[in-house]
Amino acid sequence: MRAVPLVGGPVEIRGALDLETTRAGVMPRRLPAWTKEQYQDPSVHGVTVMPSGVRLVFRTDAREVEFDVLTSTGQLDTDPRPCPTGMLELLVDGVPAGRRQAPVGNVVRMAGPGAVQRVIPGEPGTVRFAGLPAGMKTVELWLPQQTPTEMVALRADGEVLAPLPDGRRRWVHHGSSISHCLEADGPTGTWPVVAAGLGGATGSWTRSGTGTRTPRCC
């Protein structure tokens, strides 16, 4: 397996308007960092780092890909376990080729919505996709739409190249919790992604809106 740089290399990160460097790696943001001063509600920050619509795109002849991530998921003190971290999904030439549960990393504990948060640090976990088709292909690796995810490392057992230019239309979506689709069964199941595909677009850039809600946990 060879390491593939997440930034400054062949991988294109789509659906994020900014990338924040963290201790673990890189955190995609759906709003630029300079907008933080405009947040009137602290919950807006949490929504902007939930990577709905964010994916890594590249070409590769690899048969196996490994992706290290550090998630941050919530847990109410009254709940026995953290909220589901969601799914990482892999598409090969636009066709679903695998989905994996995102590993539990940091856990943010709280007594209830709006209460003081206590972070229980976690460690990055590895998600592996094996048995990819032979030959050069376009791979899309979608991040879980409901869980802040720091991208730590990417590895492949073959050559990784930048994606080819895509002449399809791009849909820039200004949305809220409805288009965020927090409770969809996976990142490619949110309605902006489904609608973009049906409309022949490359996918949606789902921006955070001011409409928020408390996620149903667990």
Protein backbone atom coordinates (compact mmCIF):
# COMPACT_ATOMS: atom_id res chain seq x y z
CA MET A 1 0.00 0.00 0.00
CA ARG A 2 1.29 3.45 -0.86
CA ALA A 3 0.37 6.69 0.90
CA VAL A 4 -1.65 9.21 -1.12
CA PRO A 5 -1.57 12.89 -0.07
CA LEU A 6 -4.99 14.24 0.81
CA VAL A 7 -4.01 17.83 -0.02
CA GLY A 8 -1.74 19.05 -2.77
CA GLY A 9 -1.83 15.78 -4.68
CA PRO A 10 -4.07 14.00 -7.18
CA VAL A 11 -7.10 13.69 -4.90
CA GLU A 12 -9.88 16.23 -5.45
CA ILE A 13 -12.09 17.02 -2.46
CA ARG A 14 -15.51 18.05 -3.72
CA GLY A 15 -18.41 19.51 -1.78
CA ALA A 16 -16.24 21.39 0.77
CA LEU A 17 -15.67 25.14 0.64
CA ASP A 18 -12.73 25.03 3.04
CA LEU A 19 -10.28 22.61 4.62
CA GLU A 20 -9.23 23.05 8.25
CA THR A 21 -5.94 21.57 9.43
CA THR A 22 -6.34 19.69 12.71
CA ARG A 23 -4.04 17.67 14.97
CA ALA A 24 -5.21 14.47 13.32
CA GLY A 25 -5.43 15.57 9.70
CA VAL A 26 -7.78 17.67 7.60
CA MET A 27 -11.39 18.61 8.40
CA PRO A 28 -13.63 19.55 5.44
CA ARG A 29 -15.92 22.52 6.05
CA ARG A 30 -19.05 23.40 4.10
CA LEU A 31 -18.58 27.11 4.77
CA PRO A 32 -15.31 29.08 4.62
CA ALA A 33 -13.54 29.60 7.95
CA TRP A 34 -13.97 33.38 7.75
CA THR A 35 -17.75 32.96 8.18
CA LYS A 36 -17.30 31.83 11.80
CA GLU A 37 -17.62 35.44 12.97
CA GLN A 38 -21.13 35.54 11.52
CA TYR A 39 -22.50 32.55 13.43
CA GLN A 40 -25.17 33.74 15.84
CA ASP A 41 -25.95 30.21 16.99
CA PRO A 42 -23.07 27.94 18.14
CA SER A 43 -24.83 24.96 16.58
CA VAL A 44 -24.10 26.37 13.13
CA HIS A 45 -20.42 25.52 13.56
CA GLY A 46 -21.29 21.90 14.24
CA VAL A 47 -23.39 21.70 11.10
CA THR A 48 -20.72 23.22 8.85
CA VAL A 49 -18.27 20.42 9.72
CA MET A 50 -20.80 17.65 9.05
CA PRO A 51 -19.63 16.67 5.56
CA SER A 52 -22.95 16.17 3.78
CA GLY A 53 -22.11 16.11 0.08
CA VAL A 54 -18.33 15.91 0.63
CA ARG A 55 -16.36 13.26 -1.21
CA LEU A 56 -12.85 12.42 -2.40
CA VAL A 57 -12.51 11.87 -6.14
CA PHE A 58 -9.56 10.33 -8.00
CA ARG A 59 -8.61 7.83 -10.68
CA THR A 60 -6.77 4.67 -9.79
CA ASP A 61 -5.91 1.17 -10.94
CA ALA A 62 -5.79 0.00 -7.32
CA ARG A 63 -7.73 -3.07 -6.24
CA GLU A 64 -7.72 -1.98 -2.58
CA VAL A 65 -8.07 1.39 -0.83
CA GLU A 66 -7.61 2.23 2.86
CA PHE A 67 -8.87 5.43 4.49
CA ASP A 68 -8.04 6.56 8.04
CA VAL A 69 -10.57 8.91 9.65
CA LEU A 70 -11.27 10.41 13.06
CA THR A 71 -14.97 10.98 13.64
CA SER A 72 -16.63 13.06 16.37
CA THR A 73 -20.07 11.85 17.39
CA GLY A 74 -22.42 12.91 20.16
CA GLN A 75 -23.83 11.01 23.10
CA LEU A 76 -26.40 12.14 25.63
CA ASP A 77 -25.70 11.11 29.21
CA THR A 78 -29.01 9.24 29.21
CA ASP A 79 -28.05 7.14 26.17
CA PRO A 80 -26.11 3.86 26.53
CA ARG A 81 -23.99 4.42 23.41
CA PRO A 82 -22.90 7.19 21.02
CA CYS A 83 -25.02 8.31 18.10
CA PRO A 84 -24.48 6.30 14.91
CA THR A 85 -21.46 7.58 13.00
CA GLY A 86 -22.98 6.94 9.58
CA MET A 87 -21.56 5.33 6.49
CA LEU A 88 -18.60 5.83 4.18
CA GLU A 89 -19.60 4.91 0.64
CA LEU A 90 -17.46 4.07 -2.38
CA LEU A 91 -18.52 4.58 -5.98
CA VAL A 92 -16.53 3.23 -8.93
CA ASP A 93 -17.30 4.92 -12.26
CA GLY A 94 -20.54 6.15 -10.69
CA VAL A 95 -21.68 2.71 -9.52
CA PRO A 96 -21.92 1.82 -5.79
CA ALA A 97 -19.02 -0.46 -4.91
CA GLY A 98 -19.14 -0.71 -1.12
CA ARG A 99 -20.17 0.95 2.12
CA ARG A 100 -18.58 0.77 5.55
CA GLN A 101 -19.63 2.01 8.98
CA ALA A 102 -17.52 5.00 9.99
CA PRO A 103 -15.44 4.10 13.08
CA VAL A 104 -16.22 5.77 16.40
CA GLY A 105 -13.52 8.29 17.35
CA ASN A 106 -14.08 11.28 19.61
CA VAL A 107 -17.28 11.18 21.66
CA VAL A 108 -18.93 14.44 22.69
CA ARG A 109 -20.94 13.84 25.88
CA MET A 110 -23.64 16.21 27.13
CA ALA A 111 -26.57 16.17 29.53
CA GLY A 112 -28.93 17.43 26.84
CA PRO A 113 -29.20 19.72 23.81
CA GLY A 114 -27.43 23.01 24.52
CA ALA A 115 -25.71 21.69 27.66
CA VAL A 116 -21.98 21.92 28.35
CA GLN A 117 -20.08 19.42 26.22
CA ARG A 118 -17.37 17.05 27.42
CA VAL A 119 -15.10 15.55 24.79
CA ILE A 120 -13.85 12.00 25.32
CA PRO A 121 -10.86 11.75 22.94
CA GLY A 122 -10.71 8.83 20.56
CA GLU A 123 -8.32 7.46 17.97
CA PRO A 124 -8.50 7.35 14.17
CA GLY A 125 -9.92 4.20 12.63
CA THR A 126 -9.31 2.55 9.28
CA VAL A 127 -11.92 1.75 6.66
CA ARG A 128 -10.87 -0.65 3.90
CA PHE A 129 -12.43 -1.25 0.49
CA ALA A 130 -11.07 -4.33 -1.29
CA GLY A 131 -11.93 -6.19 -4.47
CA LEU A 132 -12.18 -3.10 -6.67
CA PRO A 133 -12.46 -3.77 -10.42
CA ALA A 134 -9.22 -4.11 -12.36
CA GLY A 135 -7.96 -1.30 -14.57
CA MET A 136 -8.06 2.48 -14.33
CA LYS A 137 -11.31 3.82 -12.94
CA THR A 138 -12.80 6.87 -11.24
CA VAL A 139 -13.35 6.43 -7.52
CA GLU A 140 -15.56 8.58 -5.29
CA LEU A 141 -15.25 8.14 -1.53
CA TRP A 142 -18.18 9.81 0.24
CA LEU A 143 -17.98 10.92 3.88
CA PRO A 144 -20.86 10.34 6.35
CA GLN A 145 -23.31 13.21 6.07
CA GLN A 146 -24.09 13.50 9.79
CA THR A 147 -20.72 13.09 11.51
CA PRO A 148 -17.78 15.55 11.59
CA THR A 149 -14.93 13.58 10.02
CA GLU A 150 -11.25 14.43 10.05
CA MET A 151 -9.45 12.87 7.10
CA VAL A 152 -6.19 11.38 8.41
CA ALA A 153 -4.62 9.25 5.66
CA LEU A 154 -5.38 7.58 2.34
CA ARG A 155 -3.58 4.54 0.93
CA ALA A 156 -3.94 2.51 -2.25
CA ASP A 157 -2.21 -0.53 -3.70
CA GLY A 158 -1.92 1.06 -7.15
CA GLU A 159 -1.35 4.32 -8.99
CA VAL A 160 -3.56 7.29 -8.06
CA LEU A 161 -4.17 10.09 -10.56
CA ALA A 162 -6.25 13.26 -10.64
CA PRO A 163 -9.82 12.87 -11.95
CA LEU A 164 -10.50 13.78 -15.57
CA PRO A 165 -12.45 16.99 -16.34
CA ASP A 166 -16.17 16.47 -15.96
CA GLY A 167 -18.35 18.37 -18.40
CA ARG A 168 -21.57 17.80 -16.51
CA ARG A 169 -23.39 20.66 -14.81
CA ARG A 170 -22.71 21.40 -11.15
CA TRP A 171 -25.53 22.12 -8.75
CA VAL A 172 -24.72 24.53 -5.91
CA HIS A 173 -27.38 23.95 -3.28
CA HIS A 174 -28.11 26.44 -0.48
CA GLY A 175 -30.00 24.38 2.04
CA SER A 176 -31.02 23.61 5.60
CA SER A 177 -31.63 20.54 7.73
CA ILE A 178 -34.08 19.20 5.15
CA SER A 179 -31.48 19.04 2.40
CA HIS A 180 -28.73 18.03 4.84
CA CYS A 181 -30.67 14.76 5.28
CA LEU A 182 -29.15 13.93 8.64
CA GLU A 183 -31.05 10.65 8.92
CA ALA A 184 -30.54 9.34 5.38
CA ASP A 185 -29.17 5.80 5.28
CA GLY A 186 -25.94 7.00 3.68
CA PRO A 187 -24.23 10.01 2.09
CA THR A 188 -25.33 9.14 -1.44
CA GLY A 189 -28.93 8.78 -0.24
CA THR A 190 -29.47 12.46 0.60
CA TRP A 191 -32.02 14.02 -1.69
CA PRO A 192 -29.69 16.66 -3.24
CA VAL A 193 -27.29 13.88 -4.29
CA VAL A 194 -30.11 11.73 -5.67
CA ALA A 195 -31.72 14.69 -7.47
CA ALA A 196 -28.39 15.83 -8.91
CA GLY A 197 -27.76 12.35 -10.29
CA LEU A 198 -31.22 12.18 -11.85
CA GLY A 199 -30.65 15.62 -13.39
CA GLY A 200 -27.32 14.69 -14.93
CA ALA A 201 -25.27 16.95 -12.63
CA THR A 202 -22.01 16.08 -10.88
CA GLY A 203 -23.61 16.16 -7.45
CA SER A 204 -24.50 18.89 -5.02
CA TRP A 205 -22.49 21.26 -2.91
CA THR A 206 -24.73 21.27 0.14
CA ARG A 207 -24.13 24.44 2.05
CA SER A 208 -25.16 24.78 5.67
CA GLY A 209 -28.27 26.85 6.28
CA THR A 210 -29.51 28.58 9.38
CA GLY A 211 -32.31 26.10 9.88
CA THR A 212 -31.06 23.49 12.34
CA ARG A 213 -32.58 20.84 14.53
CA THR A 214 -31.41 18.53 17.25
CA PRO A 215 -30.45 15.20 15.68
CA ARG A 216 -32.29 12.13 16.82
CA CYS A 217 -29.56 10.26 18.61
CA CYS A 218 -29.23 6.49 18.67
